[in-house]
């Protein structure tokens, strides 16, 4: 009887030993799931040393962008045209000549003459001069806004994908910690099963949970390659192999800090004034109106100088001489009536009105999109904060379960399932933050502002 009681006592002690908190079994250097791993602005992740940061990737994307280079050429073209309109007073010079050979009787003397005419013409002023200059300047400003808008578009394409990459890398860093913890519990579950104080089914359930964890993590982390591929497709960047893309990234802590900026409060009138797309259209509208007004130049004043030089010949002898046709004059032209040009001008003005209506419609759509994106961003931020609170509770639950494992109320399987639930919540948080940053960048692009 004493031997049986001793055996039972030894078995009970072994069971308690196997069910003690994980901290008893774990290495003192083992990773513990910290409640500070939540992705928020207060968390600090060690800065990775990337060979290529955001600025370097952006500059490369701008250098190889065909559309960006094309817009740059178009801007230069408008600058040349503006200079042409501002230099309206530059003279034009033409040189013409005529040669005459006389025949028949009586033949004049000399029987061969020639004439060279040098004509200089300079515009002093015209009633459409100012409109032409203003139109050329507004065309230039429109081209400048198009170029800045394209630069901003490429800026946010690069930032969007590098953000997705860095958020996923941070998720991987957190799951590496969770993996260590989950593996520790799996080993303790195996020990408990071998000691006979837990079932084989529990061990298999924990192993299945661990396998699902790995599958879920792989599905998320493998997106990093897809993000780099999409970045390559949208920008044309040659990023190299997977090993080379590991050298490309952005500062995670700086990335998270942008969420602290209040971006949902704005002045609609200021945003309409600052948006590159709307500004480009507005400048183009002004240029259209001014070009329409300039089509009919009512009054024009020109300075004209013609120098005639004659060549007289006969009997194989030729002499140069002036003619009495050379002169210097002032031409004043006033358009009294021209139905064709007047109709063209009226047509251009009607087209301007049509484009003005489309511009007003674009402004309304812009404001509606801005309000909708700001609302989506606020809602997503609220959901993110709620999910972060759930993650905090989930981590506290795991810590409590670790402290209560010596009772018969909690098993290693319970803790493994809680860790699996934690990982699923981390995935949900990652997906939510991917959407959150997309909305943030869309909002800032609408504002024509840079944020990183």
Protein backbone atom coordinates (compact mmCIF):
# COMPACT_ATOMS: atom_id res chain seq x y z
CA UNK A 1 0.00 0.00 0.00
CA UNK A 2 2.86 2.39 0.82
CA UNK A 3 4.47 1.66 -2.54
CA UNK A 4 1.22 2.47 -4.42
CA UNK A 5 0.80 5.77 -2.55
CA UNK A 6 4.42 6.69 -3.24
CA UNK A 7 3.93 5.95 -6.94
CA UNK A 8 0.78 8.12 -7.09
CA UNK A 9 2.55 10.96 -5.28
CA UNK A 10 5.48 10.82 -7.71
CA UNK A 11 3.04 10.86 -10.66
CA UNK A 12 1.18 13.88 -9.27
CA UNK A 13 4.42 15.78 -8.72
CA UNK A 14 5.51 14.96 -12.28
CA UNK A 15 2.16 16.25 -13.62
CA UNK A 16 2.46 19.50 -11.68
CA UNK A 17 6.03 19.84 -12.92
CA UNK A 18 4.92 19.40 -16.56
CA UNK A 19 2.07 21.88 -16.17
CA UNK A 20 4.09 24.64 -14.51
CA UNK A 21 4.36 28.04 -16.25
CA UNK A 22 6.48 28.20 -19.36
CA UNK A 23 8.89 30.60 -17.69
CA UNK A 24 10.06 27.69 -15.50
CA UNK A 25 11.05 25.66 -18.59
CA UNK A 26 12.12 28.44 -20.89
CA UNK A 27 15.64 29.62 -21.33
CA UNK A 28 16.21 32.86 -19.50
CA UNK A 29 17.00 34.32 -22.94
CA UNK A 30 13.78 32.99 -24.53
CA UNK A 31 11.61 35.52 -26.34
CA UNK A 32 8.44 36.56 -24.51
CA UNK A 33 5.52 37.98 -26.49
CA UNK A 34 5.47 41.60 -25.47
CA UNK A 35 2.42 43.80 -25.43
CA UNK A 36 4.67 46.55 -26.82
CA UNK A 37 4.91 44.87 -30.21
CA UNK A 38 1.69 46.50 -31.35
CA UNK A 39 2.31 48.57 -34.47
CA UNK A 40 1.73 52.11 -33.26
CA UNK A 41 3.65 55.33 -33.13
CA UNK A 42 5.12 54.56 -29.71
CA UNK A 43 6.81 51.32 -30.79
CA UNK A 44 10.42 51.56 -31.92
CA UNK A 45 11.89 49.01 -34.30
CA UNK A 46 15.66 48.98 -34.85
CA UNK A 47 16.46 50.77 -38.10
CA UNK A 48 17.49 48.40 -40.85
CA UNK A 49 20.56 49.40 -42.80
CA UNK A 50 19.31 49.52 -46.37
CA UNK A 51 21.66 50.32 -49.26
CA UNK A 52 18.82 51.97 -51.17
CA UNK A 53 16.28 54.10 -49.32
CA UNK A 54 13.16 55.84 -50.49
CA UNK A 55 14.91 58.87 -52.03
CA UNK A 56 17.32 56.76 -54.04
CA UNK A 57 14.55 54.55 -55.43
CA UNK A 58 12.40 57.62 -56.21
CA UNK A 59 15.21 59.34 -58.10
CA UNK A 60 15.81 56.22 -60.16
CA UNK A 61 12.09 55.94 -60.93
CA UNK A 62 11.99 59.57 -62.08
CA UNK A 63 15.10 59.13 -64.22
CA UNK A 64 13.62 56.24 -66.21
CA UNK A 65 10.00 57.40 -66.40
CA UNK A 66 9.15 57.99 -70.07
CA UNK A 67 6.07 60.04 -69.21
CA UNK A 68 7.98 62.23 -66.76
CA UNK A 69 10.65 62.93 -69.38
CA UNK A 70 7.99 63.59 -72.02
CA UNK A 71 6.28 66.14 -69.77
CA UNK A 72 9.64 67.78 -69.17
CA UNK A 73 10.13 68.18 -72.92
CA UNK A 74 6.62 69.59 -73.25
CA UNK A 75 7.40 72.13 -70.52
CA UNK A 76 10.52 73.22 -72.39
CA UNK A 77 8.41 73.61 -75.52
CA UNK A 78 6.01 75.97 -73.73
CA UNK A 79 8.95 77.98 -72.42
CA UNK A 80 10.23 78.44 -75.97
CA UNK A 81 6.79 79.55 -77.14
CA UNK A 82 6.53 81.97 -74.25
CA UNK A 83 9.88 83.49 -75.17
CA UNK A 84 8.65 83.84 -78.76
CA UNK A 85 5.56 85.79 -77.67
CA UNK A 86 7.52 88.02 -75.30
CA UNK A 87 10.00 88.77 -78.10
CA UNK A 88 7.30 89.93 -80.51
CA UNK A 89 9.32 93.08 -81.30
CA UNK A 90 12.23 91.12 -82.76
CA UNK A 91 12.48 92.02 -86.45
CA UNK A 92 12.07 89.57 -89.28
CA UNK A 93 14.50 89.80 -92.19
CA UNK A 94 13.89 88.50 -95.71
CA UNK A 95 16.00 88.78 -98.83
CA UNK A 96 14.46 88.47 -102.29
CA UNK A 97 15.77 89.03 -105.79
CA UNK A 98 14.63 89.19 -109.41
CA UNK A 99 16.50 89.01 -112.68
CA UNK A 100 15.20 90.38 -116.04
CA UNK A 101 16.53 89.71 -119.54
CA UNK A 102 14.93 91.91 -122.19
CA UNK A 103 14.36 90.84 -125.81
CA UNK A 104 12.56 92.16 -128.82
CA UNK A 105 13.03 95.38 -130.69
CA UNK A 106 13.81 97.95 -129.75
CA UNK A 107 15.94 96.45 -126.96
CA UNK A 108 16.33 98.62 -123.88
CA UNK A 109 19.69 99.65 -122.67
CA UNK A 110 20.79 98.02 -120.52
CA UNK A 111 19.17 94.84 -121.76
CA UNK A 112 19.68 92.96 -118.47
CA UNK A 113 18.72 94.11 -115.02
CA UNK A 114 18.48 92.58 -111.57
CA UNK A 115 17.20 93.66 -108.21
CA UNK A 116 17.82 92.52 -104.62
CA UNK A 117 15.41 93.51 -101.85
CA UNK A 118 16.25 93.32 -98.13
CA UNK A 119 13.13 93.70 -95.99
CA UNK A 120 13.15 94.27 -92.25
CA UNK A 121 9.85 94.23 -90.36
CA UNK A 122 9.35 94.69 -86.62
CA UNK A 123 6.10 94.66 -84.69
CA UNK A 124 5.79 97.68 -82.43
CA UNK A 125 2.48 96.81 -80.81
CA UNK A 126 -0.74 94.91 -81.38
CA UNK A 127 -4.07 94.77 -79.62
CA UNK A 128 -3.60 90.99 -79.04
CA UNK A 129 -0.01 91.19 -77.83
CA UNK A 130 -0.79 91.02 -74.11
CA UNK A 131 -3.30 88.18 -74.58
CA UNK A 132 -0.76 86.14 -76.53
CA UNK A 133 1.90 86.64 -73.85
CA UNK A 134 -0.53 85.75 -71.04
CA UNK A 135 -1.74 82.68 -72.93
CA UNK A 136 1.82 81.44 -73.44
CA UNK A 137 2.60 81.96 -69.74
CA UNK A 138 -0.51 80.05 -68.68
CA UNK A 139 0.38 77.22 -71.05
CA UNK A 140 3.80 77.11 -69.43
CA UNK A 141 2.30 77.05 -65.94
CA UNK A 142 -0.07 74.27 -66.99
CA UNK A 143 2.89 72.22 -68.21
CA UNK A 144 4.73 72.89 -64.97
CA UNK A 145 1.76 71.63 -62.93
CA UNK A 146 1.54 68.52 -65.11
CA UNK A 147 5.22 67.79 -64.47
CA UNK A 148 4.86 68.30 -60.71
CA UNK A 149 1.73 66.15 -60.70
CA UNK A 150 3.57 63.31 -62.44
CA UNK A 151 6.46 63.60 -60.00
CA UNK A 152 3.99 63.39 -57.11
CA UNK A 153 2.28 60.38 -58.68
CA UNK A 154 5.61 58.52 -58.99
CA UNK A 155 6.49 59.65 -55.44
CA UNK A 156 3.42 57.93 -54.01
CA UNK A 157 3.71 54.84 -56.22
CA UNK A 158 7.21 54.24 -54.85
CA UNK A 159 6.20 55.12 -51.28
CA UNK A 160 3.09 52.92 -51.43
CA UNK A 161 4.95 49.75 -52.37
CA UNK A 162 7.93 50.35 -50.08
CA UNK A 163 5.42 50.94 -47.27
CA UNK A 164 3.74 47.61 -47.99
CA UNK A 165 7.13 45.93 -48.00
CA UNK A 166 8.23 47.49 -44.70
CA UNK A 167 4.93 46.78 -42.91
CA UNK A 168 5.14 43.16 -44.01
CA UNK A 169 8.76 42.94 -42.88
CA UNK A 170 7.71 44.27 -39.47
CA UNK A 171 4.96 41.65 -39.37
CA UNK A 172 7.60 39.01 -40.10
CA UNK A 173 9.78 40.29 -37.24
CA UNK A 174 6.85 39.94 -34.85
CA UNK A 175 5.89 36.50 -36.09
CA UNK A 176 9.49 35.36 -35.58
CA UNK A 177 9.00 36.11 -31.89
CA UNK A 178 5.63 34.40 -31.84
CA UNK A 179 7.14 31.36 -33.57
CA UNK A 180 9.73 30.94 -30.82
CA UNK A 181 7.03 31.12 -28.16
CA UNK A 182 4.75 28.71 -30.01
CA UNK A 183 7.59 26.24 -30.49
CA UNK A 184 8.35 26.36 -26.75
CA UNK A 185 4.74 25.51 -25.91
CA UNK A 186 4.74 22.72 -28.47
CA UNK A 187 7.81 21.17 -26.85
CA UNK A 188 6.22 21.42 -23.40
CA UNK A 189 3.06 19.84 -24.76
CA UNK A 190 5.14 16.94 -26.07
CA UNK A 191 6.76 16.59 -22.65
CA UNK A 192 3.35 16.56 -20.98
CA UNK A 193 2.06 13.97 -23.44
CA UNK A 194 5.10 11.72 -22.93
CA UNK A 195 4.62 12.05 -19.15
CA UNK A 196 1.04 10.83 -19.52
CA UNK A 197 -0.58 13.95 -18.06
CA UNK A 198 -1.89 15.15 -21.42
CA UNK A 199 -3.40 13.41 -24.41
CA UNK A 200 -1.84 12.59 -27.74
CA UNK A 201 -4.74 14.46 -29.36
CA UNK A 202 -3.70 17.66 -27.60
CA UNK A 203 -0.16 17.26 -28.94
CA UNK A 204 -1.50 16.75 -32.45
CA UNK A 205 -3.78 19.78 -32.11
CA UNK A 206 -0.84 21.97 -31.05
CA UNK A 207 1.23 20.63 -33.96
CA UNK A 208 -1.65 21.37 -36.33
CA UNK A 209 -1.93 24.88 -34.90
CA UNK A 210 1.81 25.38 -35.46
CA UNK A 211 1.51 24.17 -39.04
CA UNK A 212 -1.39 26.54 -39.75
CA UNK A 213 0.60 29.35 -38.22
CA UNK A 214 3.47 28.72 -40.64
CA UNK A 215 1.09 28.57 -43.59
CA UNK A 216 -0.54 31.86 -42.64
CA UNK A 217 2.79 33.60 -42.12
CA UNK A 218 4.17 32.34 -45.42
CA UNK A 219 1.08 33.56 -47.29
CA UNK A 220 1.62 37.06 -45.90
CA UNK A 221 5.42 37.31 -46.10
CA UNK A 222 5.52 36.00 -49.68
CA UNK A 223 3.67 39.17 -50.69
CA UNK A 224 6.96 41.07 -50.33
CA UNK A 225 8.15 39.67 -53.66
CA UNK A 226 4.81 40.61 -55.25
CA UNK A 227 5.08 44.18 -53.98
CA UNK A 228 8.52 44.57 -55.56
CA UNK A 229 7.21 43.02 -58.77
CA UNK A 230 4.29 45.46 -58.87
CA UNK A 231 6.67 48.35 -58.19
CA UNK A 232 8.80 47.20 -61.12
CA UNK A 233 5.73 46.99 -63.39
CA UNK A 234 4.44 50.46 -62.49
CA UNK A 235 7.77 52.29 -62.60
CA UNK A 236 9.99 50.24 -64.89
CA UNK A 237 12.65 49.93 -62.18
CA UNK A 238 15.04 47.00 -62.46
CA UNK A 239 15.31 45.93 -58.83
CA UNK A 240 17.29 42.74 -59.31
CA UNK A 241 16.98 39.42 -57.50
CA UNK A 242 15.33 38.68 -54.17
CA UNK A 243 18.69 39.03 -52.45
CA UNK A 244 19.11 42.48 -53.98
CA UNK A 245 15.61 43.66 -53.01
CA UNK A 246 16.45 42.86 -49.40
CA UNK A 247 18.82 45.84 -49.55
CA UNK A 248 15.92 48.17 -50.44
CA UNK A 249 13.64 49.62 -47.78
CA UNK A 250 12.52 52.61 -45.74
CA UNK A 251 12.68 53.67 -42.10
CA UNK A 252 9.86 51.85 -40.29
CA UNK A 253 9.80 54.19 -37.29
CA UNK A 254 9.53 57.25 -39.53
CA UNK A 255 6.84 55.46 -41.52
CA UNK A 256 4.71 54.84 -38.43
CA UNK A 257 5.14 58.43 -37.21
CA UNK A 258 3.22 59.83 -40.20
CA UNK A 259 0.03 58.35 -38.75
CA UNK A 260 0.24 60.93 -35.96
CA UNK A 261 -0.33 63.75 -38.47
CA UNK A 262 -3.88 65.08 -38.66
CA UNK A 263 -4.68 64.89 -42.36
CA UNK A 264 -8.48 64.92 -42.31
CA UNK A 265 -8.88 68.62 -41.50
CA UNK A 266 -8.49 70.85 -44.50
CA UNK A 267 -9.63 74.01 -46.27
CA UNK A 268 -11.43 73.09 -49.49
CA UNK A 269 -10.59 76.36 -51.21
CA UNK A 270 -6.90 75.99 -50.37
CA UNK A 271 -6.87 72.41 -51.68
CA UNK A 272 -8.50 73.44 -54.95
CA UNK A 273 -5.87 76.14 -55.25
CA UNK A 274 -3.00 73.72 -54.51
CA UNK A 275 -4.03 70.56 -56.38
CA UNK A 276 -1.68 70.10 -59.33
CA UNK A 277 -4.30 68.55 -61.61
CA UNK A 278 -6.87 71.28 -61.01
CA UNK A 279 -4.26 74.02 -61.27
CA UNK A 280 -3.05 72.65 -64.59
CA UNK A 281 -6.59 72.60 -65.94
CA UNK A 282 -7.26 76.10 -64.62
CA UNK A 283 -4.14 77.51 -66.29
CA UNK A 284 -5.07 75.72 -69.51
CA UNK A 285 -8.54 77.26 -69.36
CA UNK A 286 -7.08 80.74 -68.98
CA UNK A 287 -4.77 80.09 -71.91
CA UNK A 288 -7.72 78.93 -74.01
CA UNK A 289 -9.68 82.09 -73.24
CA UNK A 290 -6.72 84.37 -73.93
CA UNK A 291 -5.89 82.56 -77.18
CA UNK A 292 -9.50 82.96 -78.28
CA UNK A 293 -9.34 86.70 -77.62
CA UNK A 294 -6.02 86.97 -79.44
CA UNK A 295 -7.30 85.35 -82.62
CA UNK A 296 -8.57 88.65 -83.97
CA UNK A 297 -6.02 91.41 -83.68
CA UNK A 298 -7.90 94.61 -84.36
CA UNK A 299 -4.95 96.99 -84.38
CA UNK A 300 -1.35 96.29 -85.32
CA UNK A 301 1.59 98.68 -85.73
CA UNK A 302 4.73 97.61 -87.62
CA UNK A 303 8.02 99.24 -88.55
CA UNK A 304 9.12 98.36 -92.08
CA UNK A 305 12.39 98.95 -93.90
CA UNK A 306 13.06 97.89 -97.49
CA UNK A 307 16.43 98.34 -99.16
CA UNK A 308 16.45 97.86 -102.95
CA UNK A 309 19.73 97.32 -104.76
CA UNK A 310 19.74 97.12 -108.57
CA UNK A 311 22.16 95.40 -110.92
CA UNK A 312 22.45 96.86 -114.44
CA UNK A 313 24.14 95.03 -117.23
CA UNK A 314 24.84 95.20 -120.93
CA UNK A 315 27.69 94.32 -123.31
CA UNK A 316 29.11 92.05 -120.61
CA UNK A 317 29.40 94.94 -118.20
CA UNK A 318 27.46 95.10 -114.93
CA UNK A 319 27.08 97.94 -112.46
CA UNK A 320 25.54 98.15 -108.98
CA UNK A 321 23.24 100.96 -108.17
CA UNK A 322 20.57 102.11 -105.75
CA UNK A 323 16.97 102.54 -106.75
CA UNK A 324 14.44 105.05 -105.61
CA UNK A 325 12.31 102.23 -104.15
CA UNK A 326 14.16 101.94 -100.79
CA UNK A 327 12.22 103.27 -97.83
CA UNK A 328 11.61 103.21 -94.05
CA UNK A 329 7.99 103.33 -92.92
CA UNK A 330 5.42 102.81 -90.17
CA UNK A 331 2.46 100.55 -90.98
CA UNK A 332 -0.76 100.83 -88.99
CA UNK A 333 -3.36 98.16 -89.70
CA UNK A 334 -6.87 98.14 -88.32
CA UNK A 335 -9.21 95.21 -88.88
CA UNK A 336 -12.58 96.70 -89.75
CA UNK A 337 -14.38 93.54 -90.71
CA UNK A 338 -13.43 89.88 -91.12
CA UNK A 339 -16.27 87.41 -90.87
CA UNK A 340 -14.07 84.33 -90.96
CA UNK A 341 -11.76 85.35 -88.13
CA UNK A 342 -14.70 86.67 -86.12
CA UNK A 343 -16.49 83.32 -86.44
CA UNK A 344 -13.35 81.43 -85.41
CA UNK A 345 -13.05 83.64 -82.34
CA UNK A 346 -16.69 83.12 -81.33
CA UNK A 347 -16.28 79.36 -81.80
CA UNK A 348 -13.17 79.35 -79.58
CA UNK A 349 -15.04 81.25 -76.87
CA UNK A 350 -17.85 78.68 -76.90
CA UNK A 351 -15.32 75.87 -76.57
CA UNK A 352 -13.84 77.70 -73.60
CA UNK A 353 -17.27 77.77 -71.92
CA UNK A 354 -17.64 74.04 -72.50
CA UNK A 355 -14.25 73.32 -70.91
CA UNK A 356 -15.10 75.63 -68.01
CA UNK A 357 -18.19 73.53 -67.27
CA UNK A 358 -16.10 70.36 -67.29
CA UNK A 359 -13.59 72.02 -64.97
CA UNK A 360 -16.35 72.97 -62.49
CA UNK A 361 -17.61 69.38 -62.61
CA UNK A 362 -14.07 68.15 -61.95
CA UNK A 363 -13.82 70.39 -58.90
CA UNK A 364 -17.04 68.95 -57.47
CA UNK A 365 -15.81 65.39 -58.04
CA UNK A 366 -12.49 66.28 -56.47
CA UNK A 367 -14.14 67.61 -53.31
CA UNK A 368 -16.45 64.60 -53.10
CA UNK A 369 -13.51 62.21 -53.50
CA UNK A 370 -11.55 64.14 -50.89
CA UNK A 371 -14.39 63.95 -48.35
CA UNK A 372 -14.97 60.23 -49.04
CA UNK A 373 -11.28 59.37 -48.71
CA UNK A 374 -10.94 61.38 -45.49
CA UNK A 375 -13.98 59.60 -44.03
CA UNK A 376 -12.63 56.19 -45.06
CA UNK A 377 -9.30 57.05 -43.46
CA UNK A 378 -10.93 58.08 -40.17
CA UNK A 379 -13.07 54.91 -40.10
CA UNK A 380 -10.11 52.68 -40.84
CA UNK A 381 -8.07 54.42 -38.15
CA UNK A 382 -10.86 53.82 -35.62
CA UNK A 383 -11.04 50.14 -36.58
CA UNK A 384 -7.25 49.88 -36.30
CA UNK A 385 -7.27 51.36 -32.79
CA UNK A 386 -10.01 48.93 -31.79
CA UNK A 387 -8.01 46.02 -33.18
CA UNK A 388 -4.90 47.17 -31.33
CA UNK A 389 -6.94 47.05 -28.11
CA UNK A 390 -8.04 43.50 -28.95
CA UNK A 391 -4.41 42.55 -29.49
CA UNK A 392 -3.51 43.97 -26.08
CA UNK A 393 -6.24 41.90 -24.45
CA UNK A 394 -5.14 38.82 -26.39
CA UNK A 395 -1.57 39.22 -25.12
CA UNK A 396 -2.78 39.67 -21.55
CA UNK A 397 -4.87 36.53 -21.97
CA UNK A 398 -1.78 34.57 -22.99
CA UNK A 399 0.17 35.88 -20.01
CA UNK A 400 -2.69 34.91 -17.66
CA UNK A 401 -2.91 31.47 -19.22
CA UNK A 402 0.83 31.01 -18.70
CA UNK A 403 0.39 31.86 -15.03
CA UNK A 404 -2.64 29.57 -14.64
CA UNK A 405 -1.26 26.55 -16.46
CA UNK A 406 -0.55 24.73 -13.22
CA UNK A 407 -4.31 24.44 -12.65
CA UNK A 408 -6.53 21.99 -14.44
CA UNK A 409 -8.36 24.89 -16.15
CA UNK A 410 -5.69 25.74 -18.76
CA UNK A 411 -3.69 23.50 -21.10
CA UNK A 412 -0.86 24.05 -23.53
CA UNK A 413 -3.39 23.59 -26.30
CA UNK A 414 -5.37 26.55 -24.94
CA UNK A 415 -2.27 28.73 -25.04
CA UNK A 416 -1.34 27.55 -28.52
CA UNK A 417 -4.81 28.41 -29.77
CA UNK A 418 -4.57 31.84 -28.13
CA UNK A 419 -1.23 32.42 -29.86
CA UNK A 420 -2.79 31.34 -33.17
CA UNK A 421 -5.62 33.79 -32.56
CA UNK A 422 -3.04 36.48 -31.80
CA UNK A 423 -1.31 35.80 -35.11
CA UNK A 424 -4.59 36.01 -37.01
CA UNK A 425 -5.27 39.34 -35.34
CA UNK A 426 -1.79 40.51 -36.36
CA UNK A 427 -2.61 39.56 -39.97
CA UNK A 428 -5.89 41.45 -39.72
CA UNK A 429 -4.02 44.47 -38.33
CA UNK A 430 -1.48 44.30 -41.15
CA UNK A 431 -4.20 44.20 -43.80
CA UNK A 432 -5.97 47.09 -42.11
CA UNK A 433 -2.79 49.16 -42.01
CA UNK A 434 -2.06 48.41 -45.67
CA UNK A 435 -5.48 49.87 -46.48
CA UNK A 436 -4.91 52.73 -44.03
CA UNK A 437 -1.68 53.82 -45.71
CA UNK A 438 -3.26 53.51 -49.16
CA UNK A 439 -6.01 55.87 -48.04
CA UNK A 440 -3.52 58.22 -46.41
CA UNK A 441 -1.39 58.43 -49.54
CA UNK A 442 -4.43 58.92 -51.76
CA UNK A 443 -5.55 61.74 -49.49
CA UNK A 444 -2.15 63.42 -49.52
CA UNK A 445 -1.84 63.06 -53.30
CA UNK A 446 -5.20 64.77 -53.67
CA UNK A 447 -3.80 67.56 -51.51
CA UNK A 448 -0.66 67.62 -53.70
CA UNK A 449 1.46 67.30 -50.55
CA UNK A 450 4.34 65.00 -49.69
CA UNK A 451 4.26 63.25 -46.33
CA UNK A 452 7.38 61.09 -45.98
